PDB file of N, CA and C in Angstrom:
ATOM      1  N   MET A   1     163.500  44.275 204.374  1.00  0.00           N
ATOM      2  CA  MET A   1     163.898  44.395 205.757  1.00  0.00           C
ATOM      3  C   MET A   1     163.300  45.683 206.323  1.00  0.00           C
ATOM      4  N   ASP A   2     162.590  45.560 207.429  1.00  0.00           N
ATOM      5  CA  ASP A   2     162.006  46.756 208.030  1.00  0.00           C
ATOM      6  C   ASP A   2     162.974  47.378 209.037  1.00  0.00           C
ATOM      7  N   GLU A   3     162.588  48.505 209.593  1.00  0.00           N
ATOM      8  CA  GLU A   3     163.445  49.252 210.508  1.00  0.00           C
ATOM      9  C   GLU A   3     163.908  48.421 211.701  1.00  0.00           C
ATOM     10  N   HIS A   4     163.083  47.475 212.149  1.00  0.00           N
ATOM     11  CA  HIS A   4     163.400  46.681 213.344  1.00  0.00           C
ATOM     12  C   HIS A   4     164.405  45.581 213.057  1.00  0.00           C
ATOM     13  N   GLU A   5     164.665  45.306 211.799  1.00  0.00           N
ATOM     14  CA  GLU A   5     165.556  44.207 211.438  1.00  0.00           C
ATOM     15  C   GLU A   5     166.929  44.678 210.990  1.00  0.00           C
ATOM     16  N   LYS A   6     167.226  45.953 211.089  1.00  0.00           N
ATOM     17  CA  LYS A   6     168.520  46.453 210.677  1.00  0.00           C
ATOM     18  C   LYS A   6     169.602  46.022 211.657  1.00  0.00           C
ATOM     19  N   THR A   7     170.772  45.763 211.094  1.00  0.00           N
ATOM     20  CA  THR A   7     171.895  45.356 211.940  1.00  0.00           C
ATOM     21  C   THR A   7     172.536  46.593 212.552  1.00  0.00           C
ATOM     22  N   THR A   8     173.338  46.359 213.529  1.00  0.00           N
ATOM     23  CA  THR A   8     174.077  47.442 214.166  1.00  0.00           C
ATOM     24  C   THR A   8     174.966  48.136 213.143  1.00  0.00           C
ATOM     25  N   ALA A   9     175.581  47.403 212.261  1.00  0.00           N
ATOM     26  CA  ALA A   9     176.450  47.984 211.229  1.00  0.00           C
ATOM     27  C   ALA A   9     175.651  48.876 210.288  1.00  0.00           C
ATOM     28  N   GLN A  10     174.465  48.430 209.923  1.00  0.00           N
ATOM     29  CA  GLN A  10     173.622  49.240 209.047  1.00  0.00           C
ATOM     30  C   GLN A  10     173.205  50.535 209.737  1.00  0.00           C
ATOM     31  N   LEU A  11     172.849  50.422 210.992  1.00  0.00           N
ATOM     32  CA  LEU A  11     172.452  51.608 211.752  1.00  0.00           C
ATOM     33  C   LEU A  11     173.630  52.576 211.907  1.00  0.00           C
ATOM     34  N   ARG A  12     174.827  52.034 212.152  1.00  0.00           N
ATOM     35  CA  ARG A  12     176.008  52.886 212.263  1.00  0.00           C
ATOM     36  C   ARG A  12     176.291  53.585 210.933  1.00  0.00           C
ATOM     37  N   GLU A  13     176.103  52.862 209.834  1.00  0.00           N
ATOM     38  CA  GLU A  13     176.308  53.450 208.515  1.00  0.00           C
ATOM     39  C   GLU A  13     175.303  54.571 208.256  1.00  0.00           C
ATOM     40  N   GLU A  14     174.049  54.349 208.641  1.00  0.00           N
ATOM     41  CA  GLU A  14     173.031  55.398 208.479  1.00  0.00           C
ATOM     42  C   GLU A  14     173.372  56.622 209.320  1.00  0.00           C
ATOM     43  N   ILE A  15     173.823  56.404 210.541  1.00  0.00           N
ATOM     44  CA  ILE A  15     174.200  57.512 211.423  1.00  0.00           C
ATOM     45  C   ILE A  15     175.367  58.285 210.814  1.00  0.00           C
ATOM     46  N   ALA A  16     176.351  57.580 210.273  1.00  0.00           N
ATOM     47  CA  ALA A  16     177.501  58.243 209.647  1.00  0.00           C
ATOM     48  C   ALA A  16     177.044  59.072 208.452  1.00  0.00           C
ATOM     49  N   THR A  17     176.133  58.528 207.656  1.00  0.00           N
ATOM     50  CA  THR A  17     175.602  59.254 206.504  1.00  0.00           C
ATOM     51  C   THR A  17     174.859  60.498 206.967  1.00  0.00           C
ATOM     52  N   LEU A  18     174.043  60.360 207.983  1.00  0.00           N
ATOM     53  CA  LEU A  18     173.291  61.510 208.507  1.00  0.00           C
ATOM     54  C   LEU A  18     174.232  62.579 209.073  1.00  0.00           C
ATOM     55  N   ARG A  19     175.293  62.150 209.727  1.00  0.00           N
ATOM     56  CA  ARG A  19     176.266  63.109 210.258  1.00  0.00           C
ATOM     57  C   ARG A  19     176.945  63.875 209.119  1.00  0.00           C
ATOM     58  N   THR A  20     177.284  63.151 208.059  1.00  0.00           N
ATOM     59  CA  THR A  20     177.896  63.797 206.898  1.00  0.00           C
ATOM     60  C   THR A  20     176.932  64.794 206.277  1.00  0.00           C
ATOM     61  N   GLN A  21     175.670  64.392 206.119  1.00  0.00           N
ATOM     62  CA  GLN A  21     174.669  65.291 205.551  1.00  0.00           C
ATOM     63  C   GLN A  21     174.470  66.517 206.441  1.00  0.00           C
ATOM     64  N   LEU A  22     174.450  66.320 207.737  1.00  0.00           N
ATOM     65  CA  LEU A  22     174.301  67.428 208.674  1.00  0.00           C
ATOM     66  C   LEU A  22     175.494  68.381 208.578  1.00  0.00           C
ATOM     67  N   ALA A  23     176.690  67.844 208.470  1.00  0.00           N
ATOM     68  CA  ALA A  23     177.884  68.687 208.345  1.00  0.00           C
ATOM     69  C   ALA A  23     177.812  69.520 207.070  1.00  0.00           C
ATOM     70  N   LEU A  24     177.360  68.912 205.963  1.00  0.00           N
ATOM     71  CA  LEU A  24     177.220  69.634 204.705  1.00  0.00           C
ATOM     72  C   LEU A  24     176.174  70.736 204.823  1.00  0.00           C
ATOM     73  N   LEU A  25     175.050  70.409 205.426  1.00  0.00           N
ATOM     74  CA  LEU A  25     173.993  71.416 205.607  1.00  0.00           C
ATOM     75  C   LEU A  25     174.463  72.553 206.503  1.00  0.00           C
ATOM     76  N   THR A  26     175.204  72.233 207.527  1.00  0.00           N
ATOM     77  CA  THR A  26     175.725  73.256 208.433  1.00  0.00           C
ATOM     78  C   THR A  26     176.692  74.175 207.696  1.00  0.00           C
ATOM     79  N   ALA A  27     177.557  73.586 206.864  1.00  0.00           N
ATOM     80  CA  ALA A  27     178.499  74.385 206.084  1.00  0.00           C
ATOM     81  C   ALA A  27     177.760  75.274 205.089  1.00  0.00           C
ATOM     82  N   ARG A  28     176.742  74.729 204.440  1.00  0.00           N
ATOM     83  CA  ARG A  28     175.954  75.518 203.493  1.00  0.00           C
ATOM     84  C   ARG A  28     175.237  76.664 204.201  1.00  0.00           C
ATOM     85  N   GLN A  29     174.703  76.381 205.383  1.00  0.00           N
ATOM     86  CA  GLN A  29     174.014  77.430 206.140  1.00  0.00           C
ATOM     87  C   GLN A  29     174.988  78.529 206.541  1.00  0.00           C
ATOM     88  N   ALA A  30     176.210  78.157 206.884  1.00  0.00           N
ATOM     89  CA  ALA A  30     177.229  79.156 207.227  1.00  0.00           C
ATOM     90  C   ALA A  30     177.522  80.040 206.014  1.00  0.00           C
ATOM     91  N   GLU A  31     177.580  79.431 204.822  1.00  0.00           N
ATOM     92  CA  GLU A  31     177.797  80.217 203.597  1.00  0.00           C
ATOM     93  C   GLU A  31     176.631  81.172 203.358  1.00  0.00           C
ATOM     94  N   VAL A  32     175.422  80.682 203.535  1.00  0.00           N
ATOM     95  CA  VAL A  32     174.235  81.531 203.348  1.00  0.00           C
ATOM     96  C   VAL A  32     174.243  82.680 204.357  1.00  0.00           C
ATOM     97  N   ASP A  33     174.571  82.383 205.595  1.00  0.00           N
ATOM     98  CA  ASP A  33     174.633  83.419 206.623  1.00  0.00           C
ATOM     99  C   ASP A  33     175.675  84.475 206.272  1.00  0.00           C
ATOM    100  N   LYS A  34     176.829  84.039 205.768  1.00  0.00           N
ATOM    101  CA  LYS A  34     177.883  84.981 205.393  1.00  0.00           C
ATOM    102  C   LYS A  34     177.422  85.851 204.229  1.00  0.00           C
ATOM    103  N   ARG A  35     176.774  85.253 203.232  1.00  0.00           N
ATOM    104  CA  ARG A  35     176.258  86.032 202.104  1.00  0.00           C
ATOM    105  C   ARG A  35     175.203  87.032 202.557  1.00  0.00           C
ATOM    106  N   ASN A  36     174.330  86.605 203.462  1.00  0.00           N
ATOM    107  CA  ASN A  36     173.300  87.505 203.976  1.00  0.00           C
ATOM    108  C   ASN A  36     173.919  88.680 204.736  1.00  0.00           C
ATOM    109  N   ASP A  37     174.963  88.401 205.511  1.00  0.00           N
ATOM    110  CA  ASP A  37     175.654  89.476 206.231  1.00  0.00           C
ATOM    111  C   ASP A  37     176.278  90.460 205.254  1.00  0.00           C
ATOM    112  N   THR A  38     176.885  89.938 204.193  1.00  0.00           N
ATOM    113  CA  THR A  38     177.486  90.790 203.167  1.00  0.00           C
ATOM    114  C   THR A  38     176.419  91.628 202.481  1.00  0.00           C
ATOM    115  N   LEU A  39     175.293  91.006 202.167  1.00  0.00           N
ATOM    116  CA  LEU A  39     174.198  91.724 201.520  1.00  0.00           C
ATOM    117  C   LEU A  39     173.649  92.821 202.426  1.00  0.00           C
ATOM    118  N   ARG A  40     173.471  92.521 203.712  1.00  0.00           N
ATOM    119  CA  ARG A  40     172.982  93.533 204.653  1.00  0.00           C
ATOM    120  C   ARG A  40     173.950  94.715 204.755  1.00  0.00           C
ATOM    121  N   ALA A  41     175.245  94.423 204.785  1.00  0.00           N
ATOM    122  CA  ALA A  41     176.236  95.494 204.864  1.00  0.00           C
ATOM    123  C   ALA A  41     176.213  96.342 203.596  1.00  0.00           C
ATOM    124  N   SER A  42     176.093  95.692 202.462  1.00  0.00           N
ATOM    125  CA  SER A  42     176.031  96.413 201.192  1.00  0.00           C
ATOM    126  C   SER A  42     174.776  97.278 201.123  1.00  0.00           C
ATOM    127  N   GLU A  43     173.657  96.729 201.551  1.00  0.00           N
ATOM    128  CA  GLU A  43     172.406  97.487 201.547  1.00  0.00           C
ATOM    129  C   GLU A  43     172.506  98.701 202.467  1.00  0.00           C
ATOM    130  N   ALA A  44     173.096  98.527 203.629  1.00  0.00           N
ATOM    131  CA  ALA A  44     173.246  99.644 204.567  1.00  0.00           C
ATOM    132  C   ALA A  44     174.149 100.727 203.972  1.00  0.00           C
ATOM    133  N   PHE A  45     175.209 100.312 203.281  1.00  0.00           N
ATOM    134  CA  PHE A  45     176.112 101.267 202.664  1.00  0.00           C
ATOM    135  C   PHE A  45     175.383 102.087 201.595  1.00  0.00           C
ATOM    136  N   TYR A  46     174.682 101.411 200.701  1.00  0.00           N
ATOM    137  CA  TYR A  46     173.988 102.131 199.636  1.00  0.00           C
ATOM    138  C   TYR A  46     172.811 102.951 200.157  1.00  0.00           C
ATOM    139  N   ARG A  47     172.130 102.467 201.175  1.00  0.00           N
ATOM    140  CA  ARG A  47     171.065 103.262 201.785  1.00  0.00           C
ATOM    141  C   ARG A  47     171.640 104.557 202.360  1.00  0.00           C
ATOM    142  N   SER A  48     172.800 104.451 202.995  1.00  0.00           N
ATOM    143  CA  SER A  48     173.457 105.631 203.548  1.00  0.00           C
ATOM    144  C   SER A  48     173.819 106.612 202.438  1.00  0.00           C
ATOM    145  N   LEU A  49     174.329 106.100 201.321  1.00  0.00           N
ATOM    146  CA  LEU A  49     174.661 106.975 200.194  1.00  0.00           C
ATOM    147  C   LEU A  49     173.433 107.712 199.685  1.00  0.00           C
ATOM    148  N   VAL A  50     172.334 106.980 199.514  1.00  0.00           N
ATOM    149  CA  VAL A  50     171.104 107.587 198.994  1.00  0.00           C
ATOM    150  C   VAL A  50     170.548 108.596 199.985  1.00  0.00           C
ATOM    151  N   GLU A  51     170.505 108.237 201.239  1.00  0.00           N
ATOM    152  CA  GLU A  51     169.903 109.100 202.243  1.00  0.00           C
ATOM    153  C   GLU A  51     170.716 110.360 202.506  1.00  0.00           C
ATOM    154  N   THR A  52     172.024 110.323 202.278  1.00  0.00           N
ATOM    155  CA  THR A  52     172.850 111.495 202.571  1.00  0.00           C
ATOM    156  C   THR A  52     173.260 112.274 201.315  1.00  0.00           C
ATOM    157  N   SER A  53     172.856 111.811 200.154  1.00  0.00           N
ATOM    158  CA  SER A  53     173.209 112.494 198.912  1.00  0.00           C
ATOM    159  C   SER A  53     172.577 113.882 198.862  1.00  0.00           C
ATOM    160  N   PRO A  54     173.323 114.872 198.395  1.00  0.00           N
ATOM    161  CA  PRO A  54     172.739 116.208 198.242  1.00  0.00           C
ATOM    162  C   PRO A  54     171.871 116.303 196.980  1.00  0.00           C
ATOM    163  N   GLU A  55     171.912 115.292 196.140  1.00  0.00           N
ATOM    164  CA  GLU A  55     171.115 115.254 194.910  1.00  0.00           C
ATOM    165  C   GLU A  55     169.855 114.418 195.128  1.00  0.00           C
ATOM    166  N   VAL A  56     168.803 114.744 194.421  1.00  0.00           N
ATOM    167  CA  VAL A  56     167.564 113.970 194.519  1.00  0.00           C
ATOM    168  C   VAL A  56     167.783 112.605 193.884  1.00  0.00           C
ATOM    169  N   ILE A  57     167.451 111.587 194.632  1.00  0.00           N
ATOM    170  CA  ILE A  57     167.482 110.209 194.139  1.00  0.00           C
ATOM    171  C   ILE A  57     166.098 109.636 194.387  1.00  0.00           C
ATOM    172  N   TYR A  58     165.542 109.027 193.359  1.00  0.00           N
ATOM    173  CA  TYR A  58     164.171 108.522 193.464  1.00  0.00           C
ATOM    174  C   TYR A  58     164.044 107.218 192.698  1.00  0.00           C
ATOM    175  N   SER A  59     162.956 106.526 192.950  1.00  0.00           N
ATOM    176  CA  SER A  59     162.606 105.365 192.131  1.00  0.00           C
ATOM    177  C   SER A  59     161.139 105.489 191.763  1.00  0.00           C
ATOM    178  N   LEU A  60     160.850 104.971 190.572  1.00  0.00           N
ATOM    179  CA  LEU A  60     159.488 105.027 190.043  1.00  0.00           C
ATOM    180  C   LEU A  60     158.947 103.621 189.850  1.00  0.00           C
ATOM    181  N   SER A  61     157.653 103.506 189.969  1.00  0.00           N
ATOM    182  CA  SER A  61     156.997 102.235 189.672  1.00  0.00           C
ATOM    183  C   SER A  61     157.141 101.959 188.180  1.00  0.00           C
ATOM    184  N   PRO A  62     157.564 100.749 187.808  1.00  0.00           N
ATOM    185  CA  PRO A  62     157.695 100.440 186.387  1.00  0.00           C
ATOM    186  C   PRO A  62     156.350 100.322 185.675  1.00  0.00           C
ATOM    187  N   THR A  63     155.290 100.173 186.422  1.00  0.00           N
ATOM    188  CA  THR A  63     153.982  99.988 185.791  1.00  0.00           C
ATOM    189  C   THR A  63     153.243 101.286 185.519  1.00  0.00           C
ATOM    190  N   ASP A  64     153.370 102.266 186.431  1.00  0.00           N
ATOM    191  CA  ASP A  64     152.577 103.480 186.236  1.00  0.00           C
ATOM    192  C   ASP A  64     153.339 104.797 186.414  1.00  0.00           C
ATOM    193  N   GLY A  65     154.643 104.728 186.648  1.00  0.00           N
ATOM    194  CA  GLY A  65     155.431 105.955 186.746  1.00  0.00           C
ATOM    195  C   GLY A  65     155.204 106.769 187.995  1.00  0.00           C
ATOM    196  N   THR A  66     154.694 106.143 189.025  1.00  0.00           N
ATOM    197  CA  THR A  66     154.524 106.871 190.286  1.00  0.00           C
ATOM    198  C   THR A  66     155.775 106.691 191.145  1.00  0.00           C
ATOM    199  N   PHE A  67     156.018 107.671 192.005  1.00  0.00           N
ATOM    200  CA  PHE A  67     157.172 107.595 192.894  1.00  0.00           C
ATOM    201  C   PHE A  67     156.987 106.459 193.899  1.00  0.00           C
ATOM    202  N   THR A  68     158.031 105.657 194.042  1.00  0.00           N
ATOM    203  CA  THR A  68     158.019 104.618 195.069  1.00  0.00           C
ATOM    204  C   THR A  68     158.988 104.950 196.197  1.00  0.00           C
ATOM    205  N   SER A  69     159.961 105.820 195.891  1.00  0.00           N
ATOM    206  CA  SER A  69     160.856 106.302 196.948  1.00  0.00           C
ATOM    207  C   SER A  69     161.481 107.626 196.528  1.00  0.00           C
ATOM    208  N   LEU A  70     161.782 108.427 197.529  1.00  0.00           N
ATOM    209  CA  LEU A  70     162.448 109.726 197.346  1.00  0.00           C
ATOM    210  C   LEU A  70     163.395 109.928 198.524  1.00  0.00           C
ATOM    211  N   ASN A  71     164.591 110.408 198.248  1.00  0.00           N
ATOM    212  CA  ASN A  71     165.516 110.625 199.357  1.00  0.00           C
ATOM    213  C   ASN A  71     165.281 111.993 200.004  1.00  0.00           C
ATOM    214  N   PRO A  72     165.896 112.252 201.151  1.00  0.00           N
ATOM    215  CA  PRO A  72     165.679 113.514 201.862  1.00  0.00           C
ATOM    216  C   PRO A  72     166.021 114.760 201.052  1.00  0.00           C
ATOM    217  N   ALA A  73     166.927 114.649 200.088  1.00  0.00           N
ATOM    218  CA  ALA A  73     167.275 115.821 199.277  1.00  0.00           C
ATOM    219  C   ALA A  73     166.056 116.364 198.536  1.00  0.00           C
ATOM    220  N   PHE A  74     165.097 115.502 198.226  1.00  0.00           N
ATOM    221  CA  PHE A  74     163.876 115.957 197.560  1.00  0.00           C
ATOM    222  C   PHE A  74     163.184 117.026 198.404  1.00  0.00           C
ATOM    223  N   GLU A  75     163.060 116.764 199.701  1.00  0.00           N
ATOM    224  CA  GLU A  75     162.418 117.736 200.601  1.00  0.00           C
ATOM    225  C   GLU A  75     163.254 118.995 200.732  1.00  0.00           C
ATOM    226  N   GLU A  76     164.573 118.825 200.837  1.00  0.00           N
ATOM    227  CA  GLU A  76     165.451 119.980 201.009  1.00  0.00           C
ATOM    228  C   GLU A  76     165.416 120.889 199.782  1.00  0.00           C
ATOM    229  N   ILE A  77     165.369 120.296 198.598  1.00  0.00           N
ATOM    230  CA  ILE A  77     165.416 121.086 197.364  1.00  0.00           C
ATOM    231  C   ILE A  77     164.052 121.662 197.005  1.00  0.00           C
ATOM    232  N   THR A  78     162.992 120.853 197.168  1.00  0.00           N
ATOM    233  CA  THR A  78     161.662 121.301 196.742  1.00  0.00           C
ATOM    234  C   THR A  78     160.849 121.934 197.854  1.00  0.00           C
ATOM    235  N   GLY A  79     161.132 121.549 199.102  1.00  0.00           N
ATOM    236  CA  GLY A  79     160.317 122.006 200.222  1.00  0.00           C
ATOM    237  C   GLY A  79     159.038 121.195 200.389  1.00  0.00           C
ATOM    238  N   TRP A  80     158.854 120.199 199.536  1.00  0.00           N
ATOM    239  CA  TRP A  80     157.664 119.351 199.619  1.00  0.00           C
ATOM    240  C   TRP A  80     157.973 118.082 200.399  1.00  0.00           C
ATOM    241  N   SER A  81     156.984 117.572 201.065  1.00  0.00           N
ATOM    242  CA  SER A  81     157.126 116.339 201.828  1.00  0.00           C
ATOM    243  C   SER A  81     157.271 115.141 200.892  1.00  0.00           C
ATOM    244  N   ARG A  82     158.233 114.282 201.202  1.00  0.00           N
ATOM    245  CA  ARG A  82     158.387 113.060 200.407  1.00  0.00           C
ATOM    246  C   ARG A  82     157.133 112.204 200.497  1.00  0.00           C
ATOM    247  N   ALA A  83     156.571 112.130 201.685  1.00  0.00           N
ATOM    248  CA  ALA A  83     155.392 111.280 201.899  1.00  0.00           C
ATOM    249  C   ALA A  83     154.229 111.695 201.009  1.00  0.00           C
ATOM    250  N   GLU A  84     154.108 112.995 200.750  1.00  0.00           N
ATOM    251  CA  GLU A  84     153.015 113.472 199.893  1.00  0.00           C
ATOM    252  C   GLU A  84     153.187 113.044 198.441  1.00  0.00           C
ATOM    253  N   TRP A  85     154.429 112.786 198.021  1.00  0.00           N
ATOM    254  CA  TRP A  85     154.680 112.452 196.620  1.00  0.00           C
ATOM    255  C   TRP A  85     154.760 110.956 196.354  1.00  0.00           C
ATOM    256  N   ILE A  86     154.942 110.167 197.388  1.00  0.00           N
ATOM    257  CA  ILE A  86     154.975 108.718 197.186  1.00  0.00           C
ATOM    258  C   ILE A  86     153.607 108.279 196.656  1.00  0.00           C
ATOM    259  N   GLY A  87     153.625 107.553 195.549  1.00  0.00           N
ATOM    260  CA  GLY A  87     152.386 107.095 194.925  1.00  0.00           C
ATOM    261  C   GLY A  87     151.835 108.057 193.887  1.00  0.00           C
ATOM    262  N   LYS A  88     152.458 109.232 193.768  1.00  0.00           N
ATOM    263  CA  LYS A  88     152.008 110.202 192.761  1.00  0.00           C
ATOM    264  C   LYS A  88     152.905 110.098 191.514  1.00  0.00           C
ATOM    265  N   PRO A  89     152.372 110.473 190.351  1.00  0.00           N
ATOM    266  CA  PRO A  89     153.165 110.396 189.113  1.00  0.00           C
ATOM    267  C   PRO A  89     154.263 111.461 189.065  1.00  0.00           C
ATOM    268  N   PHE A  90     155.328 111.122 188.344  1.00  0.00           N
ATOM    269  CA  PHE A  90     156.445 112.058 188.216  1.00  0.00           C
ATOM    270  C   PHE A  90     156.159 113.181 187.219  1.00  0.00           C
ATOM    271  N   ALA A  91     155.241 112.974 186.294  1.00  0.00           N
ATOM    272  CA  ALA A  91     155.003 113.916 185.190  1.00  0.00           C
ATOM    273  C   ALA A  91     154.767 115.363 185.636  1.00  0.00           C
ATOM    274  N   PRO A  92     154.033 115.632 186.714  1.00  0.00           N
ATOM    275  CA  PRO A  92     153.814 117.040 187.098  1.00  0.00           C
ATOM    276  C   PRO A  92     155.099 117.794 187.467  1.00  0.00           C
ATOM    277  N   LEU A  93     156.170 117.070 187.739  1.00  0.00           N
ATOM    278  CA  LEU A  93     157.425 117.719 188.109  1.00  0.00           C
ATOM    279  C   LEU A  93     158.297 118.049 186.891  1.00  0.00           C
ATOM    280  N   ILE A  94     157.883 117.601 185.719  1.00  0.00           N
ATOM    281  CA  ILE A  94     158.664 117.813 184.504  1.00  0.00           C
ATOM    282  C   ILE A  94     158.182 119.085 183.795  1.00  0.00           C
ATOM    283  N   HIS A  95     159.118 119.870 183.319  1.00  0.00           N
ATOM    284  CA  HIS A  95     158.763 121.078 182.567  1.00  0.00           C
ATOM    285  C   HIS A  95     157.945 120.656 181.343  1.00  0.00           C
ATOM    286  N   PRO A  96     156.868 121.391 181.020  1.00  0.00           N
ATOM    287  CA  PRO A  96     156.003 121.012 179.891  1.00  0.00           C
ATOM    288  C   PRO A  96     156.757 120.797 178.573  1.00  0.00           C
ATOM    289  N   ASP A  97     157.797 121.570 178.334  1.00  0.00           N
ATOM    290  CA  ASP A  97     158.569 121.394 177.099  1.00  0.00           C
ATOM    291  C   ASP A  97     159.323 120.066 177.082  1.00  0.00           C
ATOM    292  N   ASP A  98     159.670 119.554 178.268  1.00  0.00           N
ATOM    293  CA  ASP A  98     160.442 118.321 178.360  1.00  0.00           C
ATOM    294  C   ASP A  98     159.582 117.085 178.571  1.00  0.00           C
ATOM    295  N   LEU A  99     158.300 117.290 178.842  1.00  0.00           N
ATOM    296  CA  LEU A  99     157.437 116.162 179.199  1.00  0.00           C
ATOM    297  C   LEU A  99     157.325 115.105 178.100  1.00  0.00           C
ATOM    298  N   PRO A 100     157.121 115.461 176.822  1.00  0.00           N
ATOM    299  CA  PRO A 100     157.009 114.409 175.806  1.00  0.00           C
ATOM    300  C   PRO A 100     158.236 113.485 175.775  1.00  0.00           C
ATOM    301  N   LEU A 101     159.414 114.061 175.833  1.00  0.00           N
ATOM    302  CA  LEU A 101     160.646 113.247 175.814  1.00  0.00           C
ATOM    303  C   LEU A 101     160.762 112.407 177.086  1.00  0.00           C
ATOM    304  N   ALA A 102     160.432 112.997 178.238  1.00  0.00           N
ATOM    305  CA  ALA A 102     160.496 112.261 179.498  1.00  0.00           C
ATOM    306  C   ALA A 102     159.549 111.071 179.488  1.00  0.00           C
ATOM    307  N   LEU A 103     158.342 111.278 178.973  1.00  0.00           N
ATOM    308  CA  LEU A 103     157.382 110.173 178.903  1.00  0.00           C
ATOM    309  C   LEU A 103     157.833 109.115 177.911  1.00  0.00           C
ATOM    310  N   GLU A 104     158.412 109.558 176.802  1.00  0.00           N
ATOM    311  CA  GLU A 104     158.909 108.597 175.807  1.00  0.00           C
ATOM    312  C   GLU A 104     160.050 107.754 176.387  1.00  0.00           C
ATOM    313  N   MET A 105     160.939 108.413 177.097  1.00  0.00           N
ATOM    314  CA  MET A 105     162.088 107.703 177.692  1.00  0.00           C
ATOM    315  C   MET A 105     161.639 106.799 178.837  1.00  0.00           C
ATOM    316  N   TYR A 106     160.586 107.193 179.518  1.00  0.00           N
ATOM    317  CA  TYR A 106     160.089 106.361 180.617  1.00  0.00           C
ATOM    318  C   TYR A 106     159.548 105.073 180.051  1.00  0.00           C
TER     319      TYR A 106
END
């Protein structure tokens, strides 16, 4: 039976099925939106913690040990620009006596 030969009852059944599927998709999208809102709020909270911390907080590239981020405390404590250190290795900032252990732990 092709599309032109469907009965009114069959078409009504298809419409009901589509409405049910649409309601499910709408509910799922609402859940996704709520999770995204929660994630955005959590990210903003932790970003605020990092940005306002009086301690240096940083992240390093897992592949080469270069800085990928530095919080403002880095500039306040060192006097160096964060932008100048992004992409540079962390090793020059480690005391020579501590460097072997730092590299091993990295």
